[in-house]
Amino acid sequence: MSNVASYKLRAKKLLPELPEEDGFTFIPNKFLDDLLKEDFSVDQINEILSVFKRKVLNG
């Protein structure tokens, strides 16, 4: 499993317990700190963080 895939899996596991307010999801600082310590490209970081996007209905 690639490192990107492992971070996406980790993000998906966090989703059910993350607080949400006005459509925004609060990402834990520990996750972001760990993510930024990796040598990911901007595209890879965006791919990982896209897991936290909530689907927009009627938008």
N, C-alpha and C. Protein backbone atom coordinates (compact mmCIF):
# COMPACT_ATOMS: atom_id res chain seq x y z
N MET A 1 0.85 -1.18 0.00
CA MET A 1 0.00 0.00 0.00
C MET A 1 0.90 1.24 0.00
N SER A 2 0.59 2.18 -0.89
CA SER A 2 1.39 3.40 -0.95
C SER A 2 1.12 4.27 0.27
N ASN A 3 2.04 5.18 0.51
CA ASN A 3 1.88 6.08 1.65
C ASN A 3 0.64 6.97 1.48
N VAL A 4 0.36 7.37 0.23
CA VAL A 4 -0.83 8.19 -0.03
C VAL A 4 -2.08 7.39 0.34
N ALA A 5 -2.11 6.14 -0.09
CA ALA A 5 -3.27 5.29 0.20
C ALA A 5 -3.43 5.07 1.70
N SER A 6 -2.32 4.93 2.41
CA SER A 6 -2.42 4.71 3.86
C SER A 6 -2.93 5.96 4.57
N TYR A 7 -2.55 7.14 4.09
CA TYR A 7 -3.07 8.38 4.69
C TYR A 7 -4.55 8.56 4.37
N LYS A 8 -4.96 8.19 3.15
CA LYS A 8 -6.38 8.28 2.80
C LYS A 8 -7.20 7.33 3.67
N LEU A 9 -6.69 6.15 3.91
CA LEU A 9 -7.38 5.19 4.77
C LEU A 9 -7.48 5.72 6.20
N ARG A 10 -6.38 6.30 6.67
CA ARG A 10 -6.37 6.88 8.02
C ARG A 10 -7.40 8.01 8.12
N ALA A 11 -7.49 8.84 7.07
CA ALA A 11 -8.46 9.94 7.05
C ALA A 11 -9.89 9.40 7.07
N LYS A 12 -10.15 8.35 6.29
CA LYS A 12 -11.50 7.76 6.25
C LYS A 12 -11.90 7.20 7.60
N LYS A 13 -10.93 6.64 8.32
CA LYS A 13 -11.23 6.10 9.64
C LYS A 13 -11.55 7.20 10.65
N LEU A 14 -10.98 8.40 10.44
CA LEU A 14 -11.24 9.53 11.34
C LEU A 14 -12.61 10.17 11.11
N LEU A 15 -13.12 10.10 9.89
CA LEU A 15 -14.33 10.82 9.52
C LEU A 15 -15.52 10.67 10.47
N PRO A 16 -15.88 9.47 10.88
CA PRO A 16 -17.08 9.35 11.73
C PRO A 16 -16.99 10.08 13.07
N GLU A 17 -15.79 10.31 13.56
CA GLU A 17 -15.67 10.94 14.88
C GLU A 17 -15.28 12.41 14.84
N LEU A 18 -15.19 12.99 13.64
CA LEU A 18 -14.77 14.39 13.53
C LEU A 18 -15.96 15.33 13.65
N PRO A 19 -15.78 16.44 14.37
CA PRO A 19 -16.86 17.42 14.47
C PRO A 19 -17.03 18.17 13.14
N GLU A 20 -18.24 18.58 12.88
CA GLU A 20 -18.55 19.33 11.67
C GLU A 20 -19.40 20.53 12.06
N GLU A 21 -19.11 21.68 11.45
CA GLU A 21 -19.86 22.89 11.76
C GLU A 21 -20.04 23.69 10.48
N ASP A 22 -21.27 24.04 10.17
CA ASP A 22 -21.59 24.80 8.96
C ASP A 22 -20.97 24.18 7.72
N GLY A 23 -20.95 22.85 7.65
CA GLY A 23 -20.43 22.16 6.47
C GLY A 23 -18.93 21.99 6.45
N PHE A 24 -18.23 22.51 7.45
CA PHE A 24 -16.78 22.37 7.52
C PHE A 24 -16.41 21.26 8.49
N THR A 25 -15.43 20.46 8.11
CA THR A 25 -14.95 19.38 8.97
C THR A 25 -13.67 19.83 9.64
N PHE A 26 -13.56 19.60 10.93
CA PHE A 26 -12.36 19.96 11.68
C PHE A 26 -11.39 18.79 11.64
N ILE A 27 -10.24 18.99 11.00
CA ILE A 27 -9.23 17.95 10.85
C ILE A 27 -8.28 18.04 12.04
N PRO A 28 -8.01 16.93 12.69
CA PRO A 28 -7.13 16.95 13.87
C PRO A 28 -5.72 17.45 13.53
N ASN A 29 -5.17 18.27 14.43
CA ASN A 29 -3.82 18.80 14.23
C ASN A 29 -2.79 17.69 14.09
N LYS A 30 -2.94 16.62 14.84
CA LYS A 30 -1.99 15.50 14.78
C LYS A 30 -1.92 14.92 13.37
N PHE A 31 -3.09 14.78 12.74
CA PHE A 31 -3.13 14.26 11.37
C PHE A 31 -2.40 15.21 10.42
N LEU A 32 -2.70 16.51 10.53
CA LEU A 32 -2.06 17.49 9.66
C LEU A 32 -0.55 17.57 9.90
N ASP A 33 -0.14 17.52 11.16
CA ASP A 33 1.30 17.53 11.48
C ASP A 33 2.01 16.35 10.84
N ASP A 34 1.43 15.17 10.99
CA ASP A 34 2.02 13.96 10.40
C ASP A 34 2.06 14.06 8.88
N LEU A 35 0.98 14.56 8.30
CA LEU A 35 0.89 14.69 6.84
C LEU A 35 1.97 15.61 6.29
N LEU A 36 2.18 16.74 6.97
CA LEU A 36 3.15 17.72 6.47
C LEU A 36 4.59 17.29 6.68
N LYS A 37 4.82 16.30 7.52
CA LYS A 37 6.18 15.78 7.72
C LYS A 37 6.58 14.83 6.59
N GLU A 38 5.59 14.37 5.82
CA GLU A 38 5.85 13.46 4.71
C GLU A 38 6.31 14.26 3.49
N ASP A 39 6.89 13.56 2.54
CA ASP A 39 7.39 14.20 1.32
C ASP A 39 6.37 14.03 0.18
N PHE A 40 5.17 14.60 0.38
CA PHE A 40 4.12 14.50 -0.62
C PHE A 40 4.14 15.72 -1.53
N SER A 41 3.72 15.53 -2.77
CA SER A 41 3.55 16.66 -3.67
C SER A 41 2.24 17.36 -3.29
N VAL A 42 2.04 18.54 -3.84
CA VAL A 42 0.81 19.29 -3.57
C VAL A 42 -0.40 18.49 -4.05
N ASP A 43 -0.29 17.86 -5.21
CA ASP A 43 -1.39 17.05 -5.73
C ASP A 43 -1.72 15.89 -4.80
N GLN A 44 -0.70 15.26 -4.24
CA GLN A 44 -0.93 14.14 -3.33
C GLN A 44 -1.60 14.62 -2.04
N ILE A 45 -1.16 15.76 -1.52
CA ILE A 45 -1.78 16.32 -0.31
C ILE A 45 -3.25 16.65 -0.58
N ASN A 46 -3.52 17.26 -1.74
CA ASN A 46 -4.90 17.57 -2.10
C ASN A 46 -5.75 16.31 -2.21
N GLU A 47 -5.17 15.26 -2.77
CA GLU A 47 -5.88 13.98 -2.90
C GLU A 47 -6.24 13.42 -1.52
N ILE A 48 -5.29 13.49 -0.61
CA ILE A 48 -5.53 12.99 0.75
C ILE A 48 -6.58 13.83 1.46
N LEU A 49 -6.44 15.15 1.39
CA LEU A 49 -7.38 16.03 2.09
C LEU A 49 -8.78 16.00 1.47
N SER A 50 -8.88 15.58 0.21
CA SER A 50 -10.21 15.51 -0.42
C SER A 50 -11.12 14.51 0.29
N VAL A 51 -10.55 13.59 1.04
CA VAL A 51 -11.35 12.64 1.82
C VAL A 51 -12.25 13.39 2.81
N PHE A 52 -11.79 14.54 3.29
CA PHE A 52 -12.53 15.29 4.30
C PHE A 52 -13.63 16.17 3.72
N LYS A 53 -13.69 16.30 2.39
CA LYS A 53 -14.73 17.13 1.78
C LYS A 53 -16.07 16.44 1.91
N ARG A 54 -17.05 17.19 2.33
CA ARG A 54 -18.42 16.66 2.41
C ARG A 54 -19.07 16.86 1.05
N LYS A 55 -19.87 15.92 0.64
CA LYS A 55 -20.55 16.05 -0.65
C LYS A 55 -21.59 17.16 -0.56
N VAL A 56 -21.63 17.98 -1.61
CA VAL A 56 -22.58 19.09 -1.66
C VAL A 56 -23.84 18.60 -2.36
N LEU A 57 -24.97 18.75 -1.70
CA LEU A 57 -26.24 18.38 -2.29
C LEU A 57 -26.93 19.63 -2.81
N ASN A 58 -27.49 19.53 -3.99
CA ASN A 58 -28.19 20.66 -4.61
C ASN A 58 -27.30 21.88 -4.73
N GLY A 59 -26.01 21.68 -4.99
CA GLY A 59 -25.10 22.81 -5.04
C GLY A 59 -24.43 23.04 -6.33
